[in-house]
C-alpha atoms as a PDB file:
ATOM      1  CA  MET A   1      21.540  50.799  59.268  1.00  0.00           C
ATOM      2  CA  THR A   2      18.018  52.092  59.107  1.00  0.00           C
ATOM      3  CA  THR A   3      16.854  49.802  56.279  1.00  0.00           C
ATOM      4  CA  ASN A   4      17.655  46.317  54.990  1.00  0.00           C
ATOM      5  CA  VAL A   5      16.634  47.020  51.412  1.00  0.00           C
ATOM      6  CA  ILE A   6      19.444  46.210  48.978  1.00  0.00           C
ATOM      7  CA  LYS A   7      20.422  49.204  46.845  1.00  0.00           C
ATOM      8  CA  THR A   8      22.876  49.015  43.918  1.00  0.00           C
ATOM      9  CA  THR A   9      24.630  51.858  42.135  1.00  0.00           C
ATOM     10  CA  VAL A  10      26.934  51.631  39.117  1.00  0.00           C
ATOM     11  CA  ILE A  11      29.815  54.127  39.209  1.00  0.00           C
ATOM     12  CA  ARG A  12      31.531  54.492  35.883  1.00  0.00           C
ATOM     13  CA  ALA A  13      35.210  55.376  35.548  1.00  0.00           C
ATOM     14  CA  ALA A  14      34.397  58.071  32.998  1.00  0.00           C
ATOM     15  CA  ASP A  15      32.316  59.968  35.643  1.00  0.00           C
ATOM     16  CA  LEU A  16      35.105  60.207  38.244  1.00  0.00           C
ATOM     17  CA  VAL A  17      36.482  63.693  38.750  1.00  0.00           C
ATOM     18  CA  ALA A  18      40.223  64.212  39.105  1.00  0.00           C
ATOM     19  CA  SER A  19      41.403  66.494  41.946  1.00  0.00           C
ATOM     20  CA  PRO A  20      45.133  67.487  41.963  1.00  0.00           C
ATOM     21  CA  TRP A  21      47.191  67.089  45.115  1.00  0.00           C
ATOM     22  CA  LYS A  22      48.372  70.262  46.841  1.00  0.00           C
ATOM     23  CA  ASN A  23      51.990  69.136  46.495  1.00  0.00           C
ATOM     24  CA  GLY A  24      51.621  68.410  42.757  1.00  0.00           C
ATOM     25  CA  GLY A  25      52.691  64.754  43.201  1.00  0.00           C
ATOM     26  CA  GLY A  26      49.545  63.284  41.641  1.00  0.00           C
ATOM     27  CA  VAL A  27      45.718  63.422  41.348  1.00  0.00           C
ATOM     28  CA  THR A  28      42.946  61.611  43.158  1.00  0.00           C
ATOM     29  CA  ARG A  29      39.525  60.488  41.859  1.00  0.00           C
ATOM     30  CA  GLU A  30      36.915  59.796  44.526  1.00  0.00           C
ATOM     31  CA  VAL A  31      34.801  56.734  43.803  1.00  0.00           C
ATOM     32  CA  ALA A  32      32.488  56.881  46.829  1.00  0.00           C
ATOM     33  CA  ALA A  33      32.434  58.212  50.358  1.00  0.00           C
ATOM     34  CA  PHE A  34      30.221  58.468  53.446  1.00  0.00           C
ATOM     35  CA  PRO A  35      28.883  60.910  54.346  1.00  0.00           C
ATOM     36  CA  GLU A  36      28.844  62.266  50.795  1.00  0.00           C
ATOM     37  CA  GLY A  37      30.491  65.682  50.457  1.00  0.00           C
ATOM     38  CA  ALA A  38      31.993  65.586  53.979  1.00  0.00           C
ATOM     39  CA  ALA A  39      35.378  67.084  54.682  1.00  0.00           C
ATOM     40  CA  LEU A  40      38.226  64.624  55.290  1.00  0.00           C
ATOM     41  CA  ASP A  41      38.050  65.104  59.069  1.00  0.00           C
ATOM     42  CA  ALA A  42      34.375  64.123  59.087  1.00  0.00           C
ATOM     43  CA  LEU A  43      34.487  61.108  56.793  1.00  0.00           C
ATOM     44  CA  MET A  44      33.558  57.643  57.997  1.00  0.00           C
ATOM     45  CA  TRP A  45      35.016  56.020  54.871  1.00  0.00           C
ATOM     46  CA  ARG A  46      36.221  56.880  51.393  1.00  0.00           C
ATOM     47  CA  VAL A  47      37.250  54.924  48.310  1.00  0.00           C
ATOM     48  CA  SER A  48      39.375  56.580  45.626  1.00  0.00           C
ATOM     49  CA  VAL A  49      41.852  56.011  42.876  1.00  0.00           C
ATOM     50  CA  ALA A  50      45.161  57.966  42.828  1.00  0.00           C
ATOM     51  CA  ASP A  51      47.609  58.596  40.028  1.00  0.00           C
ATOM     52  CA  VAL A  52      51.041  59.048  41.635  1.00  0.00           C
ATOM     53  CA  ALA A  53      53.437  60.976  39.443  1.00  0.00           C
ATOM     54  CA  ALA A  54      56.321  61.545  41.844  1.00  0.00           C
ATOM     55  CA  ALA A  55      57.879  60.153  45.014  1.00  0.00           C
ATOM     56  CA  GLY A  56      57.215  61.831  48.338  1.00  0.00           C
ATOM     57  CA  PRO A  57      55.613  61.638  51.775  1.00  0.00           C
ATOM     58  CA  PHE A  58      51.987  60.467  52.258  1.00  0.00           C
ATOM     59  CA  SER A  59      49.605  62.865  53.954  1.00  0.00           C
ATOM     60  CA  ARG A  60      48.766  61.841  57.506  1.00  0.00           C
ATOM     61  CA  PHE A  61      45.193  61.154  58.656  1.00  0.00           C
ATOM     62  CA  ALA A  62      44.685  60.742  62.348  1.00  0.00           C
ATOM     63  CA  GLY A  63      42.246  58.055  63.351  1.00  0.00           C
ATOM     64  CA  ILE A  64      42.062  56.535  59.855  1.00  0.00           C
ATOM     65  CA  ASP A  65      42.911  52.965  58.841  1.00  0.00           C
ATOM     66  CA  ARG A  66      44.292  52.823  55.284  1.00  0.00           C
ATOM     67  CA  THR A  67      44.442  50.130  52.609  1.00  0.00           C
ATOM     68  CA  LEU A  68      46.263  50.594  49.346  1.00  0.00           C
ATOM     69  CA  VAL A  69      46.286  48.324  46.248  1.00  0.00           C
ATOM     70  CA  LEU A  70      48.636  48.887  43.303  1.00  0.00           C
ATOM     71  CA  LEU A  71      46.563  48.956  40.097  1.00  0.00           C
ATOM     72  CA  SER A  72      49.214  49.712  37.497  1.00  0.00           C
ATOM     73  CA  GLY A  73      52.841  50.793  37.129  1.00  0.00           C
ATOM     74  CA  ALA A  74      56.165  49.142  37.825  1.00  0.00           C
ATOM     75  CA  GLY A  75      55.641  49.294  41.578  1.00  0.00           C
ATOM     76  CA  MET A  76      56.018  51.374  44.716  1.00  0.00           C
ATOM     77  CA  LEU A  77      58.069  51.082  47.890  1.00  0.00           C
ATOM     78  CA  LEU A  78      56.492  52.415  51.078  1.00  0.00           C
ATOM     79  CA  ASP A  79      59.094  53.298  53.712  1.00  0.00           C
ATOM     80  CA  GLU A  80      57.324  53.164  57.060  1.00  0.00           C
ATOM     81  CA  THR A  81      59.128  54.412  60.212  1.00  0.00           C
ATOM     82  CA  ASN A  82      58.010  52.514  63.307  1.00  0.00           C
ATOM     83  CA  GLY A  83      60.112  53.892  66.137  1.00  0.00           C
ATOM     84  CA  ASP A  84      63.733  53.523  65.114  1.00  0.00           C
ATOM     85  CA  LYS A  85      63.130  50.586  62.761  1.00  0.00           C
ATOM     86  CA  PRO A  86      62.235  51.321  59.109  1.00  0.00           C
ATOM     87  CA  VAL A  87      59.906  48.819  57.451  1.00  0.00           C
ATOM     88  CA  THR A  88      59.570  48.716  53.666  1.00  0.00           C
ATOM     89  CA  HIS A  89      56.526  47.376  51.797  1.00  0.00           C
ATOM     90  CA  ALA A  90      57.448  46.275  48.269  1.00  0.00           C
ATOM     91  CA  ARG A  91      54.337  46.312  46.112  1.00  0.00           C
ATOM     92  CA  ALA A  92      53.635  44.542  42.824  1.00  0.00           C
ATOM     93  CA  THR A  93      50.368  44.835  40.848  1.00  0.00           C
ATOM     94  CA  LEU A  94      47.296  44.005  43.037  1.00  0.00           C
ATOM     95  CA  ASP A  95      49.423  43.628  46.199  1.00  0.00           C
ATOM     96  CA  ILE A  96      47.722  45.057  49.303  1.00  0.00           C
ATOM     97  CA  ALA A  97      49.367  47.306  51.848  1.00  0.00           C
ATOM     98  CA  ARG A  98      47.662  48.238  55.134  1.00  0.00           C
ATOM     99  CA  PHE A  99      48.787  50.886  57.627  1.00  0.00           C
ATOM    100  CA  GLU A 100      47.449  53.498  60.083  1.00  0.00           C
ATOM    101  CA  GLY A 101      46.892  57.018  58.786  1.00  0.00           C
ATOM    102  CA  GLU A 102      49.054  58.468  61.522  1.00  0.00           C
ATOM    103  CA  THR A 103      52.073  56.522  60.323  1.00  0.00           C
ATOM    104  CA  ALA A 104      54.897  58.449  58.601  1.00  0.00           C
ATOM    105  CA  ILE A 105      55.170  57.016  55.081  1.00  0.00           C
ATOM    106  CA  ASP A 106      57.555  57.915  52.280  1.00  0.00           C
ATOM    107  CA  ALA A 107      56.660  56.506  48.879  1.00  0.00           C
ATOM    108  CA  ARG A 108      59.268  55.691  46.278  1.00  0.00           C
ATOM    109  CA  LEU A 109      58.330  54.752  42.706  1.00  0.00           C
ATOM    110  CA  VAL A 110      60.173  51.793  41.228  1.00  0.00           C
ATOM    111  CA  ASP A 111      60.110  52.957  37.614  1.00  0.00           C
ATOM    112  CA  GLY A 112      57.748  55.798  36.748  1.00  0.00           C
ATOM    113  CA  PRO A 113      54.116  56.735  37.714  1.00  0.00           C
ATOM    114  CA  THR A 114      51.685  54.403  39.362  1.00  0.00           C
ATOM    115  CA  ARG A 115      47.951  54.122  39.872  1.00  0.00           C
ATOM    116  CA  ASP A 116      46.678  53.091  43.317  1.00  0.00           C
ATOM    117  CA  PHE A 117      43.340  52.093  44.811  1.00  0.00           C
ATOM    118  CA  ASN A 118      42.755  53.595  48.233  1.00  0.00           C
ATOM    119  CA  LEU A 119      40.393  52.727  51.123  1.00  0.00           C
ATOM    120  CA  MET A 120      40.185  54.989  54.133  1.00  0.00           C
ATOM    121  CA  VAL A 121      38.053  53.983  57.160  1.00  0.00           C
ATOM    122  CA  ARG A 122      37.607  55.911  60.425  1.00  0.00           C
ATOM    123  CA  ARG A 123      38.786  53.741  63.262  1.00  0.00           C
ATOM    124  CA  GLY A 124      36.084  52.966  65.837  1.00  0.00           C
ATOM    125  CA  ALA A 125      33.287  53.918  63.466  1.00  0.00           C
ATOM    126  CA  ALA A 126      33.657  51.258  60.832  1.00  0.00           C
ATOM    127  CA  THR A 127      35.944  48.503  59.567  1.00  0.00           C
ATOM    128  CA  GLY A 128      36.987  47.826  55.980  1.00  0.00           C
ATOM    129  CA  ASP A 129      38.348  44.815  54.199  1.00  0.00           C
ATOM    130  CA  VAL A 130      39.702  44.393  50.636  1.00  0.00           C
ATOM    131  CA  ALA A 131      39.903  41.101  48.788  1.00  0.00           C
ATOM    132  CA  VAL A 132      41.115  40.340  45.226  1.00  0.00           C
ATOM    133  CA  LEU A 133      38.747  38.192  43.175  1.00  0.00           C
ATOM    134  CA  ARG A 134      39.888  36.837  39.839  1.00  0.00           C
ATOM    135  CA  ASN A 135      38.056  35.676  36.728  1.00  0.00           C
ATOM    136  CA  THR A 136      34.826  33.639  36.813  1.00  0.00           C
ATOM    137  CA  MET A 137      33.725  32.676  40.292  1.00  0.00           C
ATOM    138  CA  ARG A 138      30.953  32.934  42.853  1.00  0.00           C
ATOM    139  CA  ALA A 139      31.260  35.243  45.849  1.00  0.00           C
ATOM    140  CA  GLN A 140      29.212  35.646  48.979  1.00  0.00           C
ATOM    141  CA  LEU A 141      28.823  39.304  50.050  1.00  0.00           C
ATOM    142  CA  ASP A 142      27.965  40.271  53.598  1.00  0.00           C
ATOM    143  CA  ALA A 143      28.545  43.888  54.781  1.00  0.00           C
ATOM    144  CA  ASP A 144      26.752  47.180  55.262  1.00  0.00           C
ATOM    145  CA  VAL A 145      28.341  48.482  52.101  1.00  0.00           C
ATOM    146  CA  VAL A 146      30.166  46.432  49.472  1.00  0.00           C
ATOM    147  CA  LEU A 147      32.003  48.037  46.549  1.00  0.00           C
ATOM    148  CA  LEU A 148      33.083  45.805  43.652  1.00  0.00           C
ATOM    149  CA  PHE A 149      35.828  47.651  41.773  1.00  0.00           C
ATOM    150  CA  CYS A 150      37.012  46.274  38.453  1.00  0.00           C
ATOM    151  CA  ALA A 151      40.809  46.494  38.636  1.00  0.00           C
ATOM    152  CA  GLN A 152      41.574  44.677  35.383  1.00  0.00           C
ATOM    153  CA  GLY A 153      39.713  43.406  32.342  1.00  0.00           C
ATOM    154  CA  SER A 154      35.934  43.251  31.908  1.00  0.00           C
ATOM    155  CA  LEU A 155      33.589  41.332  34.210  1.00  0.00           C
ATOM    156  CA  VAL A 156      29.879  40.627  34.307  1.00  0.00           C
ATOM    157  CA  LEU A 157      28.341  40.627  37.782  1.00  0.00           C
ATOM    158  CA  THR A 158      24.963  39.116  38.552  1.00  0.00           C
ATOM    159  CA  LEU A 159      23.266  39.527  41.957  1.00  0.00           C
ATOM    160  CA  ALA A 160      20.310  37.463  43.104  1.00  0.00           C
ATOM    161  CA  ASP A 161      17.120  38.454  41.232  1.00  0.00           C
ATOM    162  CA  GLN A 162      18.822  41.438  39.556  1.00  0.00           C
ATOM    163  CA  GLN A 163      19.920  42.251  36.040  1.00  0.00           C
ATOM    164  CA  ALA A 164      23.533  41.552  35.156  1.00  0.00           C
ATOM    165  CA  VAL A 165      25.982  44.510  35.232  1.00  0.00           C
ATOM    166  CA  THR A 166      29.094  44.683  33.071  1.00  0.00           C
ATOM    167  CA  LEU A 167      32.077  46.468  34.599  1.00  0.00           C
ATOM    168  CA  ALA A 168      35.104  47.673  32.579  1.00  0.00           C
ATOM    169  CA  THR A 169      38.395  48.584  34.170  1.00  0.00           C
ATOM    170  CA  ASN A 170      37.975  51.217  36.920  1.00  0.00           C
ATOM    171  CA  ASP A 171      34.154  50.855  37.041  1.00  0.00           C
ATOM    172  CA  THR A 172      32.491  50.096  40.381  1.00  0.00           C
ATOM    173  CA  LEU A 173      29.318  48.441  41.539  1.00  0.00           C
ATOM    174  CA  ARG A 174      28.207  49.733  44.963  1.00  0.00           C
ATOM    175  CA  ILE A 175      25.820  47.580  47.018  1.00  0.00           C
ATOM    176  CA  ASP A 176      24.258  48.915  50.208  1.00  0.00           C
ATOM    177  CA  ASN A 177      22.899  46.379  52.713  1.00  0.00           C
ATOM    178  CA  ALA A 178      24.589  43.407  51.128  1.00  0.00           C
ATOM    179  CA  SER A 179      23.497  40.828  53.710  1.00  0.00           C
ATOM    180  CA  THR A 180      24.451  37.216  52.707  1.00  0.00           C
ATOM    181  CA  LEU A 181      24.128  38.186  49.073  1.00  0.00           C
ATOM    182  CA  ALA A 182      25.307  35.858  46.362  1.00  0.00           C
ATOM    183  CA  CYS A 183      27.171  37.322  43.383  1.00  0.00           C
ATOM    184  CA  GLU A 184      28.094  35.543  40.207  1.00  0.00           C
ATOM    185  CA  ILE A 185      31.224  36.854  38.534  1.00  0.00           C
ATOM    186  CA  ASN A 186      31.937  35.996  34.846  1.00  0.00           C
ATOM    187  CA  GLY A 187      34.744  36.998  32.523  1.00  0.00           C
ATOM    188  CA  GLU A 188      38.487  37.522  32.630  1.00  0.00           C
ATOM    189  CA  GLY A 189      39.934  40.109  34.972  1.00  0.00           C
ATOM    190  CA  ALA A 190      40.374  41.078  38.578  1.00  0.00           C
ATOM    191  CA  LEU A 191      37.850  42.556  40.988  1.00  0.00           C
ATOM    192  CA  LEU A 192      38.542  44.315  44.287  1.00  0.00           C
ATOM    193  CA  ALA A 193      35.803  43.449  46.800  1.00  0.00           C
ATOM    194  CA  ILE A 194      35.584  46.138  49.479  1.00  0.00           C
ATOM    195  CA  SER A 195      33.451  45.240  52.529  1.00  0.00           C
ATOM    196  CA  ILE A 196      32.602  48.040  54.970  1.00  0.00           C
ATOM    197  CA  ARG A 197      30.882  47.234  58.249  1.00  0.00           C
ATOM    198  CA  TYR A 198      29.606  49.977  60.580  1.00  0.00           C
ATOM    199  CA  ILE A 199      30.459  49.936  64.314  1.00  0.00           C
ATOM    200  CA  ASP A 200      28.839  53.274  65.143  1.00  0.00           C
ATOM    201  CA  THR A 201      25.413  52.489  63.641  1.00  0.00           C
ATOM    202  CA  SER A 202      23.950  55.831  64.816  1.00  0.00           C
ATOM    203  CA  ARG A 203      25.995  57.518  62.055  1.00  0.00           C
ATOM    204  CA  ALA A 204      25.140  55.070  59.252  1.00  0.00           C
END
């Protein structure tokens, strides 16, 4: 990174724009991405929320590591073909599934539509982790970019020497240059903490 100054941005759910899938199986709302406005083949990372209306195959993304978290709905089964052996990921609310973007995945809905949180990170350029934080607690943040996504409820976040921010469901607090940064979380709900660390610092 070219600067160590902490920068915070609040991204409200109401401001997210829905983009329909080409196959009509759902819509995606981009929360944040780098570089901003880049085509999918040029992205270093992207965070989005998808409403899945119908079963079907996932799009493949070469060189991308993917993380999915079920936000709402009765659940989803991800049928992953690894050679001749099928592997099924059964997902309940706030369960995390990780897989490579090249992998052939067929998604089956347990009982009706779902909403999913998605993290895509370009392999070799960055790494991305997702953790689930619940209710009132204290977290230590340490990454080039941290996104705190309110998955459930309403939570108040306070960073060192900064004014408190209230996040409702599907709101996000983005923090750039979150080096050993303490965060107080208060309220009842669930927060997804996404930590992105750059490997190829010349592109950050």
